[in-house]
C-alpha atoms as a PDB file:
ATOM      1  CA  UNK A   1       0.034   0.057  -0.055  1.00  0.00           C
ATOM      2  CA  UNK A   2       1.566   3.281  -0.924  1.00  0.00           C
ATOM      3  CA  UNK A   3       2.011   5.196   2.232  1.00  0.00           C
ATOM      4  CA  UNK A   4       0.547   9.107   1.210  1.00  0.00           C
ATOM      5  CA  UNK A   5       3.550  11.659   1.509  1.00  0.00           C
ATOM      6  CA  UNK A   6       6.649   9.412   1.795  1.00  0.00           C
ATOM      7  CA  UNK A   7       6.984   8.097  -1.707  1.00  0.00           C
ATOM      8  CA  UNK A   8      10.027   6.551  -2.403  1.00  0.00           C
ATOM      9  CA  UNK A   9      10.278   7.904  -5.837  1.00  0.00           C
ATOM     10  CA  UNK A  10       9.496  11.567  -4.125  1.00  0.00           C
ATOM     11  CA  UNK A  11      11.939  11.192  -1.709  1.00  0.00           C
ATOM     12  CA  UNK A  12      15.384  10.075  -4.433  1.00  0.00           C
ATOM     13  CA  UNK A  13      14.044  13.603  -6.262  1.00  0.00           C
ATOM     14  CA  UNK A  14      14.391  15.595  -2.407  1.00  0.00           C
ATOM     15  CA  UNK A  15      17.312  14.120  -1.755  1.00  0.00           C
ATOM     16  CA  UNK A  16      19.100  14.785  -5.195  1.00  0.00           C
ATOM     17  CA  UNK A  17      17.588  18.404  -5.288  1.00  0.00           C
ATOM     18  CA  UNK A  18      18.842  18.876  -1.365  1.00  0.00           C
ATOM     19  CA  UNK A  19      22.760  17.581  -2.780  1.00  0.00           C
ATOM     20  CA  UNK A  20      22.685  20.220  -5.666  1.00  0.00           C
ATOM     21  CA  UNK A  21      21.896  22.741  -3.446  1.00  0.00           C
ATOM     22  CA  UNK A  22      24.339  21.496  -0.883  1.00  0.00           C
ATOM     23  CA  UNK A  23      27.562  21.579  -3.739  1.00  0.00           C
ATOM     24  CA  UNK A  24      25.614  25.592  -5.177  1.00  0.00           C
ATOM     25  CA  UNK A  25      24.048  24.330  -8.223  1.00  0.00           C
ATOM     26  CA  UNK A  26      20.503  25.123  -6.627  1.00  0.00           C
ATOM     27  CA  UNK A  27      19.986  27.732  -5.082  1.00  0.00           C
ATOM     28  CA  UNK A  28      16.178  27.197  -3.627  1.00  0.00           C
ATOM     29  CA  UNK A  29      14.094  24.406  -4.118  1.00  0.00           C
ATOM     30  CA  UNK A  30      10.578  23.281  -3.210  1.00  0.00           C
ATOM     31  CA  UNK A  31       7.629  20.670  -3.158  1.00  0.00           C
ATOM     32  CA  UNK A  32       4.512  22.421  -2.081  1.00  0.00           C
ATOM     33  CA  UNK A  33       1.338  19.891  -1.204  1.00  0.00           C
ATOM     34  CA  UNK A  34       4.119  16.871   0.069  1.00  0.00           C
ATOM     35  CA  UNK A  35       2.066  15.210   2.763  1.00  0.00           C
ATOM     36  CA  UNK A  36      -0.523  14.770   0.294  1.00  0.00           C
ATOM     37  CA  UNK A  37       1.526  12.911  -2.890  1.00  0.00           C
ATOM     38  CA  UNK A  38       0.889   9.187  -3.732  1.00  0.00           C
ATOM     39  CA  UNK A  39       3.573   9.190  -6.583  1.00  0.00           C
ATOM     40  CA  UNK A  40       6.262  11.023  -8.512  1.00  0.00           C
ATOM     41  CA  UNK A  41       4.116  11.148 -11.655  1.00  0.00           C
ATOM     42  CA  UNK A  42       1.740  13.856  -9.088  1.00  0.00           C
ATOM     43  CA  UNK A  43       5.137  16.181  -7.539  1.00  0.00           C
ATOM     44  CA  UNK A  44       5.195  19.564  -8.776  1.00  0.00           C
ATOM     45  CA  UNK A  45       8.863  20.326  -7.492  1.00  0.00           C
ATOM     46  CA  UNK A  46      10.176  24.494  -7.931  1.00  0.00           C
ATOM     47  CA  UNK A  47      13.561  25.736  -7.977  1.00  0.00           C
ATOM     48  CA  UNK A  48      15.967  28.351  -8.546  1.00  0.00           C
ATOM     49  CA  UNK A  49      19.769  27.734  -9.796  1.00  0.00           C
ATOM     50  CA  UNK A  50      22.115  29.573  -8.363  1.00  0.00           C
ATOM     51  CA  UNK A  51      23.312  30.882 -11.434  1.00  0.00           C
ATOM     52  CA  UNK A  52      21.740  30.581 -15.148  1.00  0.00           C
ATOM     53  CA  UNK A  53      24.624  29.472 -16.478  1.00  0.00           C
ATOM     54  CA  UNK A  54      23.921  25.941 -14.042  1.00  0.00           C
ATOM     55  CA  UNK A  55      20.915  25.260 -15.703  1.00  0.00           C
ATOM     56  CA  UNK A  56      22.179  22.556 -18.263  1.00  0.00           C
ATOM     57  CA  UNK A  57      23.504  21.440 -15.552  1.00  0.00           C
ATOM     58  CA  UNK A  58      20.254  20.909 -12.898  1.00  0.00           C
ATOM     59  CA  UNK A  59      18.736  19.185 -16.321  1.00  0.00           C
ATOM     60  CA  UNK A  60      21.198  16.729 -16.614  1.00  0.00           C
ATOM     61  CA  UNK A  61      21.754  15.785 -13.130  1.00  0.00           C
ATOM     62  CA  UNK A  62      17.377  15.865 -12.789  1.00  0.00           C
ATOM     63  CA  UNK A  63      17.782  13.641 -15.753  1.00  0.00           C
ATOM     64  CA  UNK A  64      18.316  10.055 -13.707  1.00  0.00           C
ATOM     65  CA  UNK A  65      14.609  10.618 -12.858  1.00  0.00           C
ATOM     66  CA  UNK A  66      12.250   9.580 -15.016  1.00  0.00           C
ATOM     67  CA  UNK A  67      10.114  11.425 -17.264  1.00  0.00           C
ATOM     68  CA  UNK A  68      11.938  14.845 -16.042  1.00  0.00           C
ATOM     69  CA  UNK A  69       9.529  18.044 -17.397  1.00  0.00           C
ATOM     70  CA  UNK A  70      10.542  21.628 -16.851  1.00  0.00           C
ATOM     71  CA  UNK A  71       9.777  24.972 -17.866  1.00  0.00           C
ATOM     72  CA  UNK A  72      10.079  28.489 -16.404  1.00  0.00           C
ATOM     73  CA  UNK A  73       7.281  29.215 -13.472  1.00  0.00           C
ATOM     74  CA  UNK A  74       5.642  32.503 -14.896  1.00  0.00           C
ATOM     75  CA  UNK A  75       2.320  32.524 -13.393  1.00  0.00           C
ATOM     76  CA  UNK A  76       4.042  31.714  -9.702  1.00  0.00           C
ATOM     77  CA  UNK A  77       0.177  30.542  -8.075  1.00  0.00           C
ATOM     78  CA  UNK A  78       2.514  27.692  -6.507  1.00  0.00           C
ATOM     79  CA  UNK A  79       5.531  28.874  -6.140  1.00  0.00           C
ATOM     80  CA  UNK A  80       7.564  31.907  -6.742  1.00  0.00           C
ATOM     81  CA  UNK A  81      10.846  29.894  -7.803  1.00  0.00           C
ATOM     82  CA  UNK A  82      12.129  30.017 -11.206  1.00  0.00           C
ATOM     83  CA  UNK A  83      11.136  26.497 -12.523  1.00  0.00           C
ATOM     84  CA  UNK A  84       8.891  23.880 -12.300  1.00  0.00           C
ATOM     85  CA  UNK A  85      10.438  20.665 -12.279  1.00  0.00           C
ATOM     86  CA  UNK A  86       8.025  17.557 -13.416  1.00  0.00           C
ATOM     87  CA  UNK A  87       8.671  13.528 -13.811  1.00  0.00           C
ATOM     88  CA  UNK A  88       5.424  13.029 -15.961  1.00  0.00           C
ATOM     89  CA  UNK A  89       6.272  13.245 -19.442  1.00  0.00           C
ATOM     90  CA  UNK A  90       3.914  11.972 -21.309  1.00  0.00           C
ATOM     91  CA  UNK A  91       1.815  11.342 -18.003  1.00  0.00           C
ATOM     92  CA  UNK A  92      -2.549  11.508 -18.453  1.00  0.00           C
ATOM     93  CA  UNK A  93      -4.930  11.242 -15.409  1.00  0.00           C
END
């Protein structure tokens, strides 16, 4: 049975984000509504790179997780951070 808010795939991405933040690649990241998530494909991460020159490194690092999809966070509804990152390429509800 899936434990809401404690999904191993999500934990793996979070650990990866934390490592990149400690390395100075990512300035800040967040995962809103984590406590209600039941799968990685429903998770929406947000991040701000330490600098624009780090974007290629970030995307390359995160591509180890299946379904990487990212775009500028233009609407800022869920987060004020610059980029919206999901792992659901080709996924439909």
